[in-house]
Amino acid sequence: MIKLLIADNHPITRKGLEVLFSASSNIKIVGSVDDGEAILDFVKKNPVDIILTEADFPKLNGLTVLRHLKNDYPDIKTIIFSAQPEEVYAINAIKAGAQGYLNKSVNVITINEAILKVNDGGIHLSNDLTQQLAFGTRVNKGGTFYKKLSTREAEVLKLLTIGRKNKEISKELNINEKTVSTYKARLMRKLKVTNLVDLVNQAKLSQQV
């Protein structure tokens, strides 16, 4: 039995997944948590094979959690389950340590297949993104921009777009405030803006393109 931990800050999503897998013969849900800190607390005390997790949490964002898991629990595999566009965030999620990326619009069969594939040592991405990566084609304007960011730059940008201050970002990512400012300056150069408001607005536009 694959031991699956569900992490999502929406109770309806967690409950829905619990119901979906309640009759599964090869996947057992061993826990359900609602933020990034709770993921790390749970895996300290309980055996887990795969984590199916949202990327956006009010406490400890998904990319930060991935980095902790990669360093401290390398045997646990992680699949990001998010409403964010795959072409924007999937590559950085894989770089950060995820083994798969699922959009919340997928069906139950796809979720099940992804879990089994990842459990067998594979990487799960959609067919469209896999082909685009294999043939080097452009994903779209937003996706192309995000591919140019390092994982850390993507983390900082993600936190900035949800309103985090420099001090909060430095604490969450365990870096000093000066380093956060350096990342912000790099992001502004890459997005060709001169202030934080425009940076956040441009980042959101890149996600929508």
N, C-alpha and C. Protein backbone atom coordinates (compact mmCIF):
# COMPACT_ATOMS: atom_id res chain seq x y z
N MET A 1 0.84 -1.22 0.00
CA MET A 1 0.00 0.00 0.00
C MET A 1 0.87 1.26 0.00
N ILE A 2 0.57 2.18 -0.89
CA ILE A 2 1.26 3.46 -0.92
C ILE A 2 0.68 4.36 0.15
N LYS A 3 1.54 4.84 1.06
CA LYS A 3 1.08 5.72 2.13
C LYS A 3 1.08 7.16 1.61
N LEU A 4 -0.11 7.75 1.49
CA LEU A 4 -0.28 9.07 0.89
C LEU A 4 -0.68 10.10 1.93
N LEU A 5 0.05 11.23 1.94
CA LEU A 5 -0.31 12.38 2.79
C LEU A 5 -0.89 13.46 1.89
N ILE A 6 -2.05 13.98 2.25
CA ILE A 6 -2.68 15.06 1.50
C ILE A 6 -2.45 16.38 2.24
N ALA A 7 -2.05 17.41 1.49
CA ALA A 7 -1.84 18.73 2.10
C ALA A 7 -2.51 19.79 1.23
N ASP A 8 -3.51 20.44 1.80
CA ASP A 8 -4.22 21.49 1.06
C ASP A 8 -4.93 22.38 2.08
N ASN A 9 -4.94 23.69 1.83
CA ASN A 9 -5.57 24.57 2.81
C ASN A 9 -7.07 24.75 2.58
N HIS A 10 -7.64 23.97 1.65
CA HIS A 10 -9.08 23.99 1.42
C HIS A 10 -9.69 22.68 1.93
N PRO A 11 -10.50 22.74 2.98
CA PRO A 11 -11.08 21.52 3.57
C PRO A 11 -11.86 20.67 2.58
N ILE A 12 -12.57 21.32 1.64
CA ILE A 12 -13.37 20.57 0.67
C ILE A 12 -12.47 19.73 -0.23
N THR A 13 -11.34 20.30 -0.64
CA THR A 13 -10.39 19.55 -1.49
C THR A 13 -9.85 18.35 -0.74
N ARG A 14 -9.45 18.57 0.52
CA ARG A 14 -8.91 17.45 1.32
C ARG A 14 -9.96 16.35 1.48
N LYS A 15 -11.17 16.73 1.82
CA LYS A 15 -12.24 15.75 2.03
C LYS A 15 -12.55 15.00 0.74
N GLY A 16 -12.58 15.74 -0.37
CA GLY A 16 -12.85 15.11 -1.66
C GLY A 16 -11.83 14.05 -2.01
N LEU A 17 -10.55 14.35 -1.77
CA LEU A 17 -9.48 13.39 -2.06
C LEU A 17 -9.57 12.18 -1.13
N GLU A 18 -9.92 12.43 0.12
CA GLU A 18 -10.08 11.32 1.07
C GLU A 18 -11.17 10.37 0.59
N VAL A 19 -12.28 10.92 0.11
CA VAL A 19 -13.38 10.09 -0.38
C VAL A 19 -12.95 9.31 -1.63
N LEU A 20 -12.23 9.99 -2.53
CA LEU A 20 -11.80 9.35 -3.77
C LEU A 20 -10.92 8.13 -3.53
N PHE A 21 -10.04 8.23 -2.53
CA PHE A 21 -9.09 7.14 -2.31
C PHE A 21 -9.55 6.16 -1.22
N SER A 22 -10.72 6.38 -0.66
CA SER A 22 -11.18 5.52 0.44
C SER A 22 -11.36 4.07 0.01
N ALA A 23 -11.67 3.85 -1.26
CA ALA A 23 -11.88 2.48 -1.74
C ALA A 23 -10.70 1.94 -2.54
N SER A 24 -9.60 2.68 -2.56
CA SER A 24 -8.43 2.26 -3.35
C SER A 24 -7.79 1.01 -2.76
N SER A 25 -7.36 0.13 -3.64
CA SER A 25 -6.72 -1.12 -3.20
C SER A 25 -5.20 -0.97 -3.05
N ASN A 26 -4.64 0.13 -3.57
CA ASN A 26 -3.17 0.27 -3.52
C ASN A 26 -2.70 1.61 -2.95
N ILE A 27 -3.62 2.51 -2.60
CA ILE A 27 -3.25 3.81 -2.04
C ILE A 27 -4.03 4.03 -0.74
N LYS A 28 -3.30 4.31 0.33
CA LYS A 28 -3.94 4.55 1.63
C LYS A 28 -3.58 5.95 2.11
N ILE A 29 -4.59 6.77 2.39
CA ILE A 29 -4.35 8.10 2.94
C ILE A 29 -4.03 7.98 4.43
N VAL A 30 -2.82 8.39 4.79
CA VAL A 30 -2.38 8.26 6.18
C VAL A 30 -2.50 9.56 6.96
N GLY A 31 -2.81 10.65 6.25
CA GLY A 31 -2.97 11.93 6.94
C GLY A 31 -3.47 13.01 6.01
N SER A 32 -3.99 14.08 6.60
CA SER A 32 -4.51 15.22 5.85
C SER A 32 -4.19 16.48 6.64
N VAL A 33 -3.39 17.39 6.06
CA VAL A 33 -2.96 18.60 6.77
C VAL A 33 -3.26 19.83 5.93
N ASP A 34 -3.19 21.01 6.57
CA ASP A 34 -3.64 22.22 5.88
C ASP A 34 -2.58 23.30 5.67
N ASP A 35 -1.31 23.04 5.99
CA ASP A 35 -0.28 24.01 5.66
C ASP A 35 1.10 23.36 5.60
N GLY A 36 2.10 24.14 5.14
CA GLY A 36 3.43 23.60 4.94
C GLY A 36 4.12 23.14 6.22
N GLU A 37 3.93 23.90 7.29
CA GLU A 37 4.54 23.51 8.57
C GLU A 37 3.98 22.18 9.06
N ALA A 38 2.67 21.97 8.83
CA ALA A 38 2.03 20.73 9.27
C ALA A 38 2.56 19.53 8.50
N ILE A 39 2.96 19.74 7.22
CA ILE A 39 3.56 18.64 6.44
C ILE A 39 4.83 18.16 7.14
N LEU A 40 5.69 19.10 7.48
CA LEU A 40 6.97 18.74 8.09
C LEU A 40 6.76 18.11 9.47
N ASP A 41 5.80 18.61 10.22
CA ASP A 41 5.48 18.02 11.53
C ASP A 41 4.99 16.58 11.37
N PHE A 42 4.15 16.36 10.35
CA PHE A 42 3.56 15.03 10.16
C PHE A 42 4.62 14.00 9.78
N VAL A 43 5.50 14.35 8.83
CA VAL A 43 6.48 13.36 8.35
C VAL A 43 7.55 13.05 9.41
N LYS A 44 7.70 13.94 10.39
CA LYS A 44 8.62 13.65 11.49
C LYS A 44 8.14 12.46 12.32
N LYS A 45 6.82 12.30 12.39
CA LYS A 45 6.22 11.33 13.31
C LYS A 45 5.57 10.13 12.62
N ASN A 46 5.38 10.21 11.30
CA ASN A 46 4.63 9.16 10.61
C ASN A 46 5.31 8.75 9.30
N PRO A 47 5.23 7.45 8.97
CA PRO A 47 5.78 7.01 7.68
C PRO A 47 4.91 7.47 6.52
N VAL A 48 5.53 8.06 5.50
CA VAL A 48 4.82 8.56 4.32
C VAL A 48 5.63 8.19 3.08
N ASP A 49 4.95 7.72 2.04
CA ASP A 49 5.62 7.42 0.77
C ASP A 49 5.53 8.59 -0.19
N ILE A 50 4.32 9.17 -0.32
CA ILE A 50 4.08 10.25 -1.27
C ILE A 50 3.24 11.34 -0.62
N ILE A 51 3.58 12.59 -0.94
CA ILE A 51 2.78 13.74 -0.48
C ILE A 51 2.14 14.38 -1.70
N LEU A 52 0.83 14.53 -1.66
CA LEU A 52 0.09 15.25 -2.69
C LEU A 52 -0.26 16.61 -2.09
N THR A 53 0.40 17.66 -2.57
CA THR A 53 0.32 18.94 -1.86
C THR A 53 0.07 20.15 -2.75
N GLU A 54 -0.69 21.07 -2.23
CA GLU A 54 -0.87 22.40 -2.82
C GLU A 54 0.47 23.13 -2.78
N ALA A 55 0.62 24.15 -3.63
CA ALA A 55 1.86 24.94 -3.64
C ALA A 55 1.74 26.21 -2.82
N ASP A 56 0.53 26.74 -2.67
CA ASP A 56 0.33 28.02 -1.98
C ASP A 56 -0.23 27.79 -0.58
N PHE A 57 0.59 28.10 0.42
CA PHE A 57 0.15 27.99 1.80
C PHE A 57 0.39 29.30 2.53
N PRO A 58 -0.47 29.64 3.50
CA PRO A 58 -0.21 30.83 4.30
C PRO A 58 1.04 30.68 5.17
N LYS A 59 1.36 29.43 5.53
CA LYS A 59 2.58 29.16 6.30
C LYS A 59 3.47 28.23 5.50
N LEU A 60 4.69 28.67 5.21
CA LEU A 60 5.69 27.85 4.53
C LEU A 60 5.20 27.43 3.15
N ASN A 61 5.57 28.17 2.11
CA ASN A 61 5.08 27.87 0.76
C ASN A 61 5.63 26.55 0.24
N GLY A 62 4.98 26.06 -0.82
CA GLY A 62 5.28 24.73 -1.33
C GLY A 62 6.72 24.50 -1.75
N LEU A 63 7.35 25.49 -2.41
CA LEU A 63 8.73 25.31 -2.85
C LEU A 63 9.68 25.21 -1.66
N THR A 64 9.40 25.95 -0.61
CA THR A 64 10.23 25.86 0.60
C THR A 64 10.08 24.48 1.25
N VAL A 65 8.86 23.98 1.31
CA VAL A 65 8.62 22.64 1.86
C VAL A 65 9.37 21.60 1.04
N LEU A 66 9.33 21.73 -0.28
CA LEU A 66 10.03 20.78 -1.15
C LEU A 66 11.52 20.73 -0.83
N ARG A 67 12.10 21.90 -0.60
CA ARG A 67 13.52 21.93 -0.30
C ARG A 67 13.84 21.24 1.02
N HIS A 68 13.00 21.45 2.03
CA HIS A 68 13.18 20.77 3.31
C HIS A 68 13.06 19.26 3.15
N LEU A 69 12.04 18.83 2.40
CA LEU A 69 11.82 17.40 2.21
C LEU A 69 12.99 16.77 1.45
N LYS A 70 13.46 17.45 0.44
CA LYS A 70 14.57 16.93 -0.37
C LYS A 70 15.81 16.72 0.49
N ASN A 71 16.05 17.66 1.41
CA ASN A 71 17.24 17.57 2.27
C ASN A 71 17.08 16.57 3.41
N ASP A 72 15.91 16.58 4.04
CA ASP A 72 15.72 15.81 5.28
C ASP A 72 15.00 14.48 5.10
N TYR A 73 14.19 14.38 4.05
CA TYR A 73 13.41 13.15 3.82
C TYR A 73 13.48 12.76 2.34
N PRO A 74 14.67 12.43 1.86
CA PRO A 74 14.84 12.19 0.42
C PRO A 74 14.05 11.01 -0.13
N ASP A 75 13.61 10.10 0.74
CA ASP A 75 12.84 8.93 0.27
C ASP A 75 11.37 9.26 0.04
N ILE A 76 10.90 10.38 0.59
CA ILE A 76 9.50 10.77 0.39
C ILE A 76 9.37 11.49 -0.95
N LYS A 77 8.42 11.05 -1.75
CA LYS A 77 8.19 11.67 -3.06
C LYS A 77 7.02 12.66 -2.95
N THR A 78 7.09 13.71 -3.76
CA THR A 78 6.10 14.78 -3.67
C THR A 78 5.49 15.11 -5.03
N ILE A 79 4.18 15.26 -5.05
CA ILE A 79 3.47 15.71 -6.25
C ILE A 79 2.76 17.02 -5.89
N ILE A 80 3.04 18.06 -6.66
CA ILE A 80 2.34 19.33 -6.46
C ILE A 80 0.97 19.25 -7.14
N PHE A 81 -0.07 19.61 -6.39
CA PHE A 81 -1.46 19.54 -6.86
C PHE A 81 -2.01 20.96 -6.74
N SER A 82 -2.01 21.67 -7.86
CA SER A 82 -2.25 23.11 -7.77
C SER A 82 -3.14 23.63 -8.89
N ALA A 83 -3.79 24.76 -8.63
CA ALA A 83 -4.58 25.43 -9.67
C ALA A 83 -3.71 26.38 -10.49
N GLN A 84 -2.46 26.57 -10.07
CA GLN A 84 -1.55 27.45 -10.81
C GLN A 84 -1.18 26.80 -12.15
N PRO A 85 -0.92 27.60 -13.19
CA PRO A 85 -0.59 27.03 -14.51
C PRO A 85 0.66 26.15 -14.45
N GLU A 86 0.55 24.96 -15.01
CA GLU A 86 1.68 24.02 -15.00
C GLU A 86 2.90 24.62 -15.70
N GLU A 87 2.67 25.31 -16.84
CA GLU A 87 3.80 25.82 -17.61
C GLU A 87 4.55 26.92 -16.86
N VAL A 88 3.92 27.50 -15.85
CA VAL A 88 4.58 28.55 -15.07
C VAL A 88 5.37 27.97 -13.91
N TYR A 89 4.78 27.01 -13.17
CA TYR A 89 5.39 26.58 -11.92
C TYR A 89 5.98 25.17 -11.92
N ALA A 90 5.59 24.33 -12.87
CA ALA A 90 6.00 22.93 -12.81
C ALA A 90 7.52 22.75 -12.85
N ILE A 91 8.18 23.48 -13.74
CA ILE A 91 9.63 23.31 -13.90
C ILE A 91 10.36 23.65 -12.61
N ASN A 92 10.00 24.76 -12.00
CA ASN A 92 10.66 25.13 -10.74
C ASN A 92 10.31 24.18 -9.61
N ALA A 93 9.11 23.61 -9.64
CA ALA A 93 8.74 22.62 -8.63
C ALA A 93 9.61 21.37 -8.76
N ILE A 94 9.83 20.92 -10.00
CA ILE A 94 10.68 19.75 -10.23
C ILE A 94 12.12 20.07 -9.81
N LYS A 95 12.59 21.26 -10.15
CA LYS A 95 13.94 21.67 -9.74
C LYS A 95 14.09 21.66 -8.22
N ALA A 96 13.01 22.05 -7.54
CA ALA A 96 13.06 22.13 -6.07
C ALA A 96 12.96 20.77 -5.40
N GLY A 97 12.59 19.74 -6.18
CA GLY A 97 12.55 18.40 -5.59
C GLY A 97 11.27 17.62 -5.78
N ALA A 98 10.26 18.21 -6.44
CA ALA A 98 9.01 17.47 -6.68
C ALA A 98 9.23 16.39 -7.73
N GLN A 99 8.41 15.35 -7.68
CA GLN A 99 8.46 14.30 -8.69
C GLN A 99 7.28 14.38 -9.65
N GLY A 100 6.38 15.33 -9.42
CA GLY A 100 5.25 15.45 -10.32
C GLY A 100 4.51 16.76 -10.10
N TYR A 101 3.69 17.11 -11.09
CA TYR A 101 2.87 18.32 -11.01
C TYR A 101 1.52 18.03 -11.64
N LEU A 102 0.46 18.23 -10.88
CA LEU A 102 -0.91 18.01 -11.35
C LEU A 102 -1.72 19.28 -11.22
N ASN A 103 -2.42 19.64 -12.29
CA ASN A 103 -3.35 20.76 -12.17
C ASN A 103 -4.64 20.25 -11.55
N LYS A 104 -5.29 21.08 -10.76
CA LYS A 104 -6.50 20.65 -10.06
C LYS A 104 -7.69 20.38 -10.99
N SER A 105 -7.51 20.66 -12.27
CA SER A 105 -8.59 20.39 -13.23
C SER A 105 -8.55 18.95 -13.75
N VAL A 106 -7.50 18.17 -13.39
CA VAL A 106 -7.39 16.81 -13.92
C VAL A 106 -8.42 15.88 -13.28
N ASN A 107 -8.65 14.72 -13.92
CA ASN A 107 -9.63 13.78 -13.38
C ASN A 107 -8.99 12.79 -12.41
N VAL A 108 -9.83 11.98 -11.79
CA VAL A 108 -9.37 11.05 -10.76
C VAL A 108 -8.38 10.03 -11.32
N ILE A 109 -8.64 9.57 -12.55
CA ILE A 109 -7.76 8.57 -13.16
C ILE A 109 -6.35 9.13 -13.30
N THR A 110 -6.23 10.39 -13.71
CA THR A 110 -4.91 11.02 -13.88
C THR A 110 -4.19 11.15 -12.54
N ILE A 111 -4.92 11.52 -11.49
CA ILE A 111 -4.31 11.62 -10.15
C ILE A 111 -3.76 10.26 -9.73
N ASN A 112 -4.57 9.23 -9.92
CA ASN A 112 -4.16 7.87 -9.55
C ASN A 112 -2.94 7.43 -10.34
N GLU A 113 -2.96 7.67 -11.65
CA GLU A 113 -1.83 7.29 -12.51
C GLU A 113 -0.56 8.03 -12.10
N ALA A 114 -0.69 9.30 -11.76
CA ALA A 114 0.48 10.09 -11.35
C ALA A 114 1.10 9.53 -10.08
N ILE A 115 0.27 9.18 -9.11
CA ILE A 115 0.76 8.63 -7.85
C ILE A 115 1.49 7.31 -8.08
N LEU A 116 0.92 6.44 -8.91
CA LEU A 116 1.56 5.15 -9.20
C LEU A 116 2.87 5.34 -9.95
N LYS A 117 2.88 6.27 -10.90
CA LYS A 117 4.09 6.53 -11.69
C LYS A 117 5.21 7.06 -10.81
N VAL A 118 4.88 8.02 -9.96
CA VAL A 118 5.88 8.61 -9.07
C VAL A 118 6.37 7.57 -8.06
N ASN A 119 5.47 6.74 -7.56
CA ASN A 119 5.86 5.69 -6.62
C ASN A 119 6.85 4.71 -7.26
N ASP A 120 6.72 4.52 -8.57
CA ASP A 120 7.63 3.60 -9.29
C ASP A 120 8.92 4.28 -9.72
N GLY A 121 9.11 5.54 -9.31
CA GLY A 121 10.36 6.24 -9.61
C GLY A 121 10.30 7.18 -10.79
N GLY A 122 9.11 7.38 -11.37
CA GLY A 122 8.98 8.26 -12.53
C GLY A 122 8.71 9.70 -12.16
N ILE A 123 8.66 10.54 -13.17
CA ILE A 123 8.30 11.96 -13.03
C ILE A 123 6.99 12.17 -13.79
N HIS A 124 6.02 12.79 -13.15
CA HIS A 124 4.74 13.03 -13.83
C HIS A 124 4.57 14.50 -14.18
N LEU A 125 4.44 14.75 -15.50
CA LEU A 125 4.03 16.05 -16.02
C LEU A 125 2.97 15.78 -17.08
N SER A 126 2.21 16.78 -17.45
CA SER A 126 1.20 16.56 -18.49
C SER A 126 1.88 16.21 -19.81
N ASN A 127 1.14 15.55 -20.70
CA ASN A 127 1.69 15.19 -22.02
C ASN A 127 2.12 16.42 -22.79
N ASP A 128 1.32 17.49 -22.69
CA ASP A 128 1.65 18.73 -23.42
C ASP A 128 2.98 19.30 -22.97
N LEU A 129 3.17 19.41 -21.66
CA LEU A 129 4.42 19.99 -21.16
C LEU A 129 5.60 19.08 -21.43
N THR A 130 5.40 17.78 -21.32
CA THR A 130 6.47 16.82 -21.60
C THR A 130 6.95 16.97 -23.04
N GLN A 131 6.03 17.10 -23.98
CA GLN A 131 6.40 17.26 -25.38
C GLN A 131 7.10 18.59 -25.63
N GLN A 132 6.59 19.64 -24.97
CA GLN A 132 7.21 20.95 -25.15
C GLN A 132 8.64 20.95 -24.64
N LEU A 133 8.88 20.27 -23.53
CA LEU A 133 10.23 20.19 -22.98
C LEU A 133 11.12 19.32 -23.87
N ALA A 134 10.57 18.22 -24.36
CA ALA A 134 11.35 17.29 -25.18
C ALA A 134 11.79 17.93 -26.50
N PHE A 135 10.89 18.74 -27.10
CA PHE A 135 11.20 19.32 -28.40
C PHE A 135 11.68 20.76 -28.32
N GLY A 136 11.77 21.28 -27.08
CA GLY A 136 12.31 22.62 -26.90
C GLY A 136 11.42 23.73 -27.44
N THR A 137 10.11 23.46 -27.54
CA THR A 137 9.21 24.49 -28.06
C THR A 137 8.84 25.48 -26.96
N ARG A 138 8.37 26.62 -27.38
CA ARG A 138 7.94 27.63 -26.42
C ARG A 138 6.66 27.17 -25.74
N VAL A 139 6.59 27.37 -24.44
CA VAL A 139 5.36 27.04 -23.73
C VAL A 139 4.37 28.17 -23.95
N ASN A 140 4.71 29.34 -23.49
CA ASN A 140 4.00 30.59 -23.77
C ASN A 140 4.85 31.69 -23.18
N LYS A 141 4.45 32.92 -23.34
CA LYS A 141 5.28 34.03 -22.86
C LYS A 141 5.57 33.90 -21.37
N GLY A 142 4.52 33.63 -20.59
CA GLY A 142 4.70 33.52 -19.14
C GLY A 142 5.59 32.37 -18.77
N GLY A 143 5.32 31.20 -19.37
CA GLY A 143 6.10 30.01 -19.05
C GLY A 143 7.56 30.18 -19.43
N THR A 144 7.81 30.82 -20.59
CA THR A 144 9.18 31.04 -21.02
C THR A 144 9.91 31.93 -20.02
N PHE A 145 9.25 32.96 -19.54
CA PHE A 145 9.88 33.84 -18.55
C PHE A 145 10.23 33.07 -17.28
N TYR A 146 9.27 32.27 -16.79
CA TYR A 146 9.50 31.56 -15.53
C TYR A 146 10.61 30.52 -15.64
N LYS A 147 10.81 29.97 -16.84
CA LYS A 147 11.89 28.99 -17.01
C LYS A 147 13.26 29.65 -16.79
N LYS A 148 13.33 30.96 -16.99
CA LYS A 148 14.61 31.66 -16.84
C LYS A 148 14.94 31.96 -15.38
N LEU A 149 13.99 31.76 -14.48
CA LEU A 149 14.23 32.04 -13.07
C LEU A 149 14.85 30.83 -12.37
N SER A 150 15.72 31.12 -11.41
CA SER A 150 16.21 30.05 -10.54
C SER A 150 15.08 29.66 -9.59
N THR A 151 15.22 28.51 -8.95
CA THR A 151 14.19 28.08 -7.99
C THR A 151 14.03 29.12 -6.88
N ARG A 152 15.13 29.67 -6.40
CA ARG A 152 15.07 30.65 -5.32
C ARG A 152 14.40 31.94 -5.79
N GLU A 153 14.70 32.38 -7.01
CA GLU A 153 14.04 33.57 -7.54
C GLU A 153 12.53 33.35 -7.66
N ALA A 154 12.15 32.15 -8.09
CA ALA A 154 10.72 31.83 -8.20
C ALA A 154 10.05 31.85 -6.83
N GLU A 155 10.76 31.36 -5.82
CA GLU A 155 10.22 31.36 -4.46
C GLU A 155 9.98 32.79 -3.98
N VAL A 156 11.00 33.66 -4.16
CA VAL A 156 10.89 35.05 -3.72
C VAL A 156 9.75 35.75 -4.45
N LEU A 157 9.67 35.55 -5.76
CA LEU A 157 8.62 36.19 -6.55
C LEU A 157 7.24 35.72 -6.11
N LYS A 158 7.10 34.44 -5.85
CA LYS A 158 5.82 33.88 -5.43
C LYS A 158 5.37 34.53 -4.11
N LEU A 159 6.32 34.68 -3.18
CA LEU A 159 5.99 35.27 -1.89
C LEU A 159 5.68 36.77 -2.02
N LEU A 160 6.39 37.44 -2.90
CA LEU A 160 6.11 38.87 -3.13
C LEU A 160 4.71 39.06 -3.70
N THR A 161 4.29 38.17 -4.61
CA THR A 161 2.99 38.34 -5.26
C THR A 161 1.82 38.08 -4.31
N ILE A 162 2.09 37.39 -3.19
CA ILE A 162 1.00 37.19 -2.21
C ILE A 162 1.14 38.14 -1.03
N GLY A 163 2.02 39.16 -1.19
CA GLY A 163 2.06 40.25 -0.22
C GLY A 163 3.05 40.12 0.92
N ARG A 164 3.96 39.17 0.84
CA ARG A 164 4.94 39.02 1.91
C ARG A 164 5.94 40.18 1.89
N LYS A 165 6.36 40.64 3.09
CA LYS A 165 7.37 41.68 3.22
C LYS A 165 8.77 41.03 3.24
N ASN A 166 9.79 41.87 3.02
CA ASN A 166 11.16 41.35 3.01
C ASN A 166 11.50 40.54 4.26
N LYS A 167 11.11 41.07 5.41
CA LYS A 167 11.42 40.40 6.68
C LYS A 167 10.74 39.03 6.75
N GLU A 168 9.49 38.97 6.28
CA GLU A 168 8.75 37.71 6.30
C GLU A 168 9.37 36.69 5.34
N ILE A 169 9.79 37.19 4.18
CA ILE A 169 10.42 36.30 3.19
C ILE A 169 11.74 35.77 3.72
N SER A 170 12.52 36.64 4.34
CA SER A 170 13.83 36.20 4.86
C SER A 170 13.66 35.13 5.92
N LYS A 171 12.63 35.27 6.74
CA LYS A 171 12.37 34.28 7.78
C LYS A 171 11.90 32.96 7.19
N GLU A 172 10.98 33.04 6.23
CA GLU A 172 10.42 31.82 5.64
C GLU A 172 11.45 31.04 4.83
N LEU A 173 12.32 31.76 4.11
CA LEU A 173 13.32 31.10 3.27
C LEU A 173 14.67 30.91 3.98
N ASN A 174 14.73 31.40 5.21
CA ASN A 174 15.95 31.27 6.01
C ASN A 174 17.15 31.93 5.33
N ILE A 175 16.92 33.14 4.83
CA ILE A 175 18.00 33.95 4.26
C ILE A 175 17.87 35.35 4.86
N ASN A 176 18.95 36.16 4.77
CA ASN A 176 18.85 37.48 5.39
C ASN A 176 18.13 38.47 4.47
N GLU A 177 17.71 39.59 5.06
CA GLU A 177 16.90 40.56 4.32
C GLU A 177 17.67 41.17 3.15
N LYS A 178 18.98 41.32 3.31
CA LYS A 178 19.80 41.87 2.23
C LYS A 178 19.76 40.95 1.01
N THR A 179 19.78 39.65 1.26
CA THR A 179 19.71 38.69 0.16
C THR A 179 18.36 38.77 -0.53
N VAL A 180 17.29 38.96 0.23
CA VAL A 180 15.96 39.13 -0.36
C VAL A 180 15.96 40.34 -1.28
N SER A 181 16.56 41.43 -0.83
CA SER A 181 16.64 42.65 -1.65
C SER A 181 17.40 42.40 -2.94
N THR A 182 18.45 41.58 -2.84
CA THR A 182 19.24 41.24 -4.03
C THR A 182 18.38 40.47 -5.04
N TYR A 183 17.61 39.51 -4.55
CA TYR A 183 16.72 38.74 -5.43
C TYR A 183 15.67 39.65 -6.06
N LYS A 184 15.12 40.58 -5.27
CA LYS A 184 14.13 41.52 -5.81
C LYS A 184 14.74 42.34 -6.94
N ALA A 185 15.98 42.80 -6.75
CA ALA A 185 16.65 43.61 -7.78
C ALA A 185 16.83 42.79 -9.06
N ARG A 186 17.22 41.51 -8.90
CA ARG A 186 17.38 40.64 -10.08
C ARG A 186 16.06 40.47 -10.82
N LEU A 187 14.99 40.24 -10.03
CA LEU A 187 13.67 40.03 -10.63
C LEU A 187 13.20 41.28 -11.37
N MET A 188 13.47 42.44 -10.79
CA MET A 188 13.08 43.69 -11.45
C MET A 188 13.81 43.86 -12.78
N ARG A 189 15.10 43.47 -12.80
CA ARG A 189 15.85 43.56 -14.06
C ARG A 189 15.26 42.61 -15.10
N LYS A 190 14.96 41.40 -14.67
CA LYS A 190 14.44 40.40 -15.62
C LYS A 190 13.06 40.77 -16.13
N LEU A 191 12.25 41.41 -15.28
CA LEU A 191 10.91 41.81 -15.69
C LEU A 191 10.87 43.24 -16.23
N LYS A 192 12.04 43.90 -16.19
CA LYS A 192 12.18 45.25 -16.74
C LYS A 192 11.22 46.24 -16.09
N VAL A 193 11.22 46.23 -14.73
CA VAL A 193 10.41 47.19 -13.98
C VAL A 193 11.31 47.88 -12.96
N THR A 194 10.79 48.97 -12.35
CA THR A 194 11.62 49.75 -11.43
C THR A 194 11.07 49.83 -10.02
N ASN A 195 9.89 49.23 -9.77
CA ASN A 195 9.35 49.27 -8.42
C ASN A 195 8.58 47.99 -8.11
N LEU A 196 8.29 47.81 -6.83
CA LEU A 196 7.67 46.57 -6.36
C LEU A 196 6.26 46.37 -6.92
N VAL A 197 5.48 47.45 -7.00
CA VAL A 197 4.10 47.34 -7.50
C VAL A 197 4.10 46.80 -8.93
N ASP A 198 4.97 47.37 -9.77
CA ASP A 198 5.05 46.92 -11.16
C ASP A 198 5.59 45.49 -11.24
N LEU A 199 6.51 45.15 -10.35
CA LEU A 199 7.05 43.79 -10.33
C LEU A 199 5.95 42.77 -10.08
N VAL A 200 5.14 43.04 -9.06
CA VAL A 200 4.06 42.12 -8.72
C VAL A 200 3.03 42.06 -9.85
N ASN A 201 2.68 43.22 -10.41
CA ASN A 201 1.70 43.25 -11.50
C ASN A 201 2.20 42.50 -12.73
N GLN A 202 3.47 42.69 -13.07
CA GLN A 202 4.05 42.00 -14.23
C GLN A 202 4.10 40.49 -14.01
N ALA A 203 4.42 40.09 -12.78
CA ALA A 203 4.48 38.66 -12.46
C ALA A 203 3.10 38.03 -12.64
N LYS A 204 2.06 38.72 -12.17
CA LYS A 204 0.70 38.20 -12.31
C LYS A 204 0.28 38.13 -13.77
N LEU A 205 0.70 39.14 -14.57
CA LEU A 205 0.38 39.12 -15.99
C LEU A 205 1.08 37.95 -16.68
N SER A 206 2.31 37.66 -16.27
CA SER A 206 3.06 36.55 -16.87
C SER A 206 2.36 35.23 -16.61
N GLN A 207 1.71 35.11 -15.45
CA GLN A 207 0.99 33.89 -15.14
C GLN A 207 -0.25 33.73 -16.01
N GLN A 208 -0.81 34.85 -16.45
CA GLN A 208 -2.08 34.80 -17.18
C GLN A 208 -1.91 34.64 -18.68
N VAL A 209 -0.72 34.96 -19.18
CA VAL A 209 -0.52 34.96 -20.65
C VAL A 209 -0.62 33.56 -21.20
